[in-house]
């Protein structure tokens, strides 16, 4: 069995309803962006991939011991991200003990989150995740890897990760904007097929967390 935090193991083994969380970080970035995205993703996953996630996501701070109770933590924003030294230690311990962090750049977060990821894992490089990785293969196949949801800079979408002993512990999605695609339809007026594509990719992420 892979190494996993006690609370994560307890929730999984007893079959309790899972709960995921949004990361409330410091630095001035809008950590609260895309307020409807996680609730919509949870609803979609519960309906399509048989998860049993609580409908309302929690909010957790990177230095809180409560973070160990969530198998999946999501963060987004358009600006600065700053973790204190104590938060770095806590986040690193969380990820090494079985947790998972998904950072979704909502355009404007890139330079800041890369800096903080390097502080989290100074000896590990962010590597681009290949299209044949399981996170792109099941239950929905994305043959080209991370899909493009919003166009801003005419750059291709990229998924980067930190791997610890072959386990993906941190996913960073760039030039994609998955969270916008998860939001209520009227927020960005995305076509139905674009929202469906974003939700399917989100379901793949959750499937990877709960089944690996």
Protein backbone atom coordinates (compact mmCIF):
# COMPACT_ATOMS: atom_id res chain seq x y z
CA UNK A 1 0.00 0.00 0.00
CA UNK A 2 1.28 3.47 -0.79
CA UNK A 3 2.16 5.74 2.07
CA UNK A 4 -0.86 7.83 2.93
CA UNK A 5 -1.94 10.15 5.71
CA UNK A 6 -3.97 8.59 8.52
CA UNK A 7 -7.05 10.73 7.94
CA UNK A 8 -7.03 10.06 4.20
CA UNK A 9 -6.73 6.33 4.86
CA UNK A 10 -9.53 6.43 7.42
CA UNK A 11 -11.95 8.17 5.08
CA UNK A 12 -11.18 5.82 2.20
CA UNK A 13 -11.24 2.58 4.16
CA UNK A 14 -14.53 3.29 5.89
CA UNK A 15 -16.26 4.46 2.72
CA UNK A 16 -17.33 7.80 4.15
CA UNK A 17 -18.40 10.62 1.88
CA UNK A 18 -15.27 12.28 0.57
CA UNK A 19 -14.65 15.99 0.86
CA UNK A 20 -12.35 18.14 -1.23
CA UNK A 21 -11.08 21.62 -0.50
CA UNK A 22 -10.13 24.97 -2.00
CA UNK A 23 -6.80 26.43 -0.87
CA UNK A 24 -6.95 29.87 0.76
CA UNK A 25 -3.45 31.25 0.31
CA UNK A 26 -1.74 34.59 1.05
CA UNK A 27 0.07 36.96 -1.29
CA UNK A 28 -2.80 38.98 -2.71
CA UNK A 29 -3.91 36.60 -5.44
CA UNK A 30 -7.64 35.94 -5.75
CA UNK A 31 -7.72 32.43 -4.30
CA UNK A 32 -11.53 32.69 -4.31
CA UNK A 33 -11.82 33.02 -8.13
CA UNK A 34 -14.30 30.77 -9.97
CA UNK A 35 -16.65 30.20 -7.01
CA UNK A 36 -18.99 27.86 -8.89
CA UNK A 37 -16.27 25.68 -10.41
CA UNK A 38 -15.62 23.11 -7.67
CA UNK A 39 -19.32 22.60 -6.79
CA UNK A 40 -20.06 21.96 -10.47
CA UNK A 41 -17.13 19.57 -10.81
CA UNK A 42 -18.22 17.68 -7.69
CA UNK A 43 -21.76 17.33 -9.03
CA UNK A 44 -20.48 16.12 -12.40
CA UNK A 45 -18.08 13.59 -10.86
CA UNK A 46 -20.70 12.21 -8.50
CA UNK A 47 -23.07 11.73 -11.44
CA UNK A 48 -20.61 10.26 -13.93
CA UNK A 49 -17.75 8.44 -12.18
CA UNK A 50 -19.50 7.21 -9.00
CA UNK A 51 -17.65 9.38 -6.53
CA UNK A 52 -19.33 10.29 -3.27
CA UNK A 53 -17.96 13.77 -2.65
CA UNK A 54 -19.72 16.26 -0.41
CA UNK A 55 -21.52 18.83 -2.53
CA UNK A 56 -19.91 21.87 -0.92
CA UNK A 57 -16.11 22.02 -0.98
CA UNK A 58 -14.27 23.07 2.16
CA UNK A 59 -11.81 25.95 2.40
CA UNK A 60 -8.44 25.21 3.94
CA UNK A 61 -5.25 27.18 4.55
CA UNK A 62 -1.87 25.72 3.56
CA UNK A 63 -0.55 25.78 7.12
CA UNK A 64 -3.59 24.16 8.72
CA UNK A 65 -3.49 20.60 10.08
CA UNK A 66 -7.00 20.24 8.65
CA UNK A 67 -5.51 19.89 5.17
CA UNK A 68 -4.61 16.27 5.98
CA UNK A 69 -8.32 15.45 5.95
CA UNK A 70 -8.72 16.21 2.24
CA UNK A 71 -7.41 13.85 -0.44
CA UNK A 72 -7.65 16.62 -3.06
CA UNK A 73 -6.95 20.35 -2.68
CA UNK A 74 -7.49 22.80 -5.53
CA UNK A 75 -6.06 26.28 -5.94
CA UNK A 76 -6.55 28.95 -8.57
CA UNK A 77 -6.18 32.69 -9.12
CA UNK A 78 -4.82 35.45 -11.31
CA UNK A 79 -1.99 36.83 -9.18
CA UNK A 80 0.55 36.47 -6.43
CA UNK A 81 0.92 33.38 -4.25
CA UNK A 82 3.04 33.38 -1.10
CA UNK A 83 3.52 30.49 1.31
CA UNK A 84 5.24 31.07 4.64
CA UNK A 85 8.04 28.75 5.70
CA UNK A 86 5.66 26.95 8.05
CA UNK A 87 3.09 26.57 5.27
CA UNK A 88 5.74 25.13 2.97
CA UNK A 89 6.60 22.48 5.55
CA UNK A 90 2.95 21.63 6.17
CA UNK A 91 2.08 21.46 2.47
CA UNK A 92 5.11 19.32 1.71
CA UNK A 93 4.22 16.90 4.51
CA UNK A 94 0.65 16.76 3.24
CA UNK A 95 1.76 15.89 -0.28
CA UNK A 96 4.33 13.35 0.86
CA UNK A 97 1.78 11.60 3.07
CA UNK A 98 -0.77 10.96 0.33
CA UNK A 99 -2.37 14.34 -0.43
CA UNK A 100 -2.75 15.94 -3.85
CA UNK A 101 -2.62 19.59 -4.92
CA UNK A 102 -4.03 20.86 -8.21
CA UNK A 103 -2.94 24.40 -9.11
CA UNK A 104 -4.92 25.83 -12.03
CA UNK A 105 -3.50 29.04 -13.48
CA UNK A 106 -6.40 31.39 -14.16
CA UNK A 107 -3.95 33.54 -16.16
CA UNK A 108 -1.56 35.64 -14.11
CA UNK A 109 -0.50 33.12 -11.47
CA UNK A 110 2.25 31.34 -13.41
CA UNK A 111 5.43 33.10 -12.24
CA UNK A 112 4.30 33.06 -8.62
CA UNK A 113 3.14 29.47 -8.34
CA UNK A 114 6.27 28.18 -10.07
CA UNK A 115 8.37 30.00 -7.48
CA UNK A 116 6.39 28.49 -4.59
CA UNK A 117 6.43 25.00 -6.09
CA UNK A 118 10.22 25.24 -6.25
CA UNK A 119 10.23 26.12 -2.57
CA UNK A 120 8.00 23.13 -1.86
CA UNK A 121 10.25 20.71 -3.73
CA UNK A 122 13.66 22.31 -4.32
CA UNK A 123 15.16 19.03 -5.49
CA UNK A 124 12.35 18.10 -7.89
CA UNK A 125 11.65 19.78 -11.21
CA UNK A 126 8.20 20.40 -12.62
CA UNK A 127 7.96 18.05 -15.58
CA UNK A 128 5.44 18.08 -18.39
CA UNK A 129 3.02 15.18 -18.03
CA UNK A 130 2.84 13.06 -21.22
CA UNK A 131 -0.46 12.43 -22.95
CA UNK A 132 -0.23 8.70 -22.21
CA UNK A 133 -0.32 9.28 -18.44
CA UNK A 134 -3.38 7.68 -16.77
CA UNK A 135 -4.75 11.10 -15.78
CA UNK A 136 -5.49 11.68 -19.49
CA UNK A 137 -6.67 8.16 -20.24
CA UNK A 138 -9.47 7.28 -17.86
CA UNK A 139 -12.33 7.37 -17.65
CA UNK A 140 -12.21 9.92 -20.49
CA UNK A 141 -9.53 9.77 -23.17
CA UNK A 142 -7.63 12.96 -24.01
CA UNK A 143 -5.31 11.67 -26.71
CA UNK A 144 -3.42 14.97 -26.95
CA UNK A 145 -3.19 15.55 -23.21
CA UNK A 146 -4.58 18.60 -21.44
CA UNK A 147 -7.41 20.24 -23.39
CA UNK A 148 -7.61 23.96 -24.19
CA UNK A 149 -10.56 25.64 -22.49
CA UNK A 150 -9.89 29.40 -22.79
CA UNK A 151 -7.71 31.11 -25.36
CA UNK A 152 -5.61 34.06 -24.23
CA UNK A 153 -2.06 33.93 -25.56
CA UNK A 154 -2.22 31.44 -28.44
CA UNK A 155 -0.11 29.03 -26.41
CA UNK A 156 -0.75 25.33 -26.12
CA UNK A 157 -2.15 24.02 -22.84
CA UNK A 158 0.34 22.17 -20.67
CA UNK A 159 0.06 19.97 -17.61
CA UNK A 160 3.08 19.88 -15.33
CA UNK A 161 3.63 17.69 -12.32
CA UNK A 162 5.79 16.88 -9.37
CA UNK A 163 6.35 13.14 -9.05
CA UNK A 164 7.53 11.50 -5.83
CA UNK A 165 8.52 7.85 -6.26
CA UNK A 166 6.49 7.78 -9.50
CA UNK A 167 3.37 9.14 -7.77
CA UNK A 168 1.96 12.40 -9.09
CA UNK A 169 1.50 14.57 -6.00
CA UNK A 170 1.10 18.01 -7.58
CA UNK A 171 -0.59 18.93 -10.85
CA UNK A 172 -0.13 22.37 -12.39
CA UNK A 173 -2.37 23.19 -15.36
CA UNK A 174 -1.17 26.08 -17.52
CA UNK A 175 -2.67 27.93 -20.52
CA UNK A 176 -5.84 25.89 -20.11
CA UNK A 177 -8.12 27.43 -17.47
CA UNK A 178 -10.00 24.32 -16.45
CA UNK A 179 -11.71 26.19 -13.61
CA UNK A 180 -13.40 28.61 -15.99
CA UNK A 181 -14.78 25.64 -17.87
CA UNK A 182 -16.22 24.20 -14.67
CA UNK A 183 -18.07 27.40 -13.79
CA UNK A 184 -21.79 27.97 -14.37
CA UNK A 185 -22.54 28.27 -18.08
CA UNK A 186 -23.61 31.91 -17.91
CA UNK A 187 -20.38 33.08 -16.26
CA UNK A 188 -18.21 32.76 -19.38
CA UNK A 189 -20.81 31.76 -21.98
CA UNK A 190 -18.75 28.75 -22.95
CA UNK A 191 -20.33 26.41 -25.48
CA UNK A 192 -21.74 23.23 -23.98
CA UNK A 193 -19.04 21.10 -25.59
CA UNK A 194 -16.27 23.22 -24.05
CA UNK A 195 -17.76 22.95 -20.57
CA UNK A 196 -18.22 19.21 -21.06
CA UNK A 197 -14.59 18.84 -22.09
CA UNK A 198 -13.42 20.74 -19.00
CA UNK A 199 -15.64 18.72 -16.68
CA UNK A 200 -14.47 15.44 -18.20
CA UNK A 201 -10.85 16.43 -17.60
CA UNK A 202 -11.71 17.40 -14.04
CA UNK A 203 -13.41 14.04 -13.55
CA UNK A 204 -10.23 12.35 -14.76
CA UNK A 205 -8.22 14.23 -12.14
CA UNK A 206 -10.59 13.15 -9.36
CA UNK A 207 -10.65 9.59 -10.69
CA UNK A 208 -6.86 9.53 -10.51
CA UNK A 209 -6.92 10.76 -6.90
CA UNK A 210 -9.51 8.31 -5.64
CA UNK A 211 -8.41 5.24 -7.61
CA UNK A 212 -4.60 5.28 -7.50
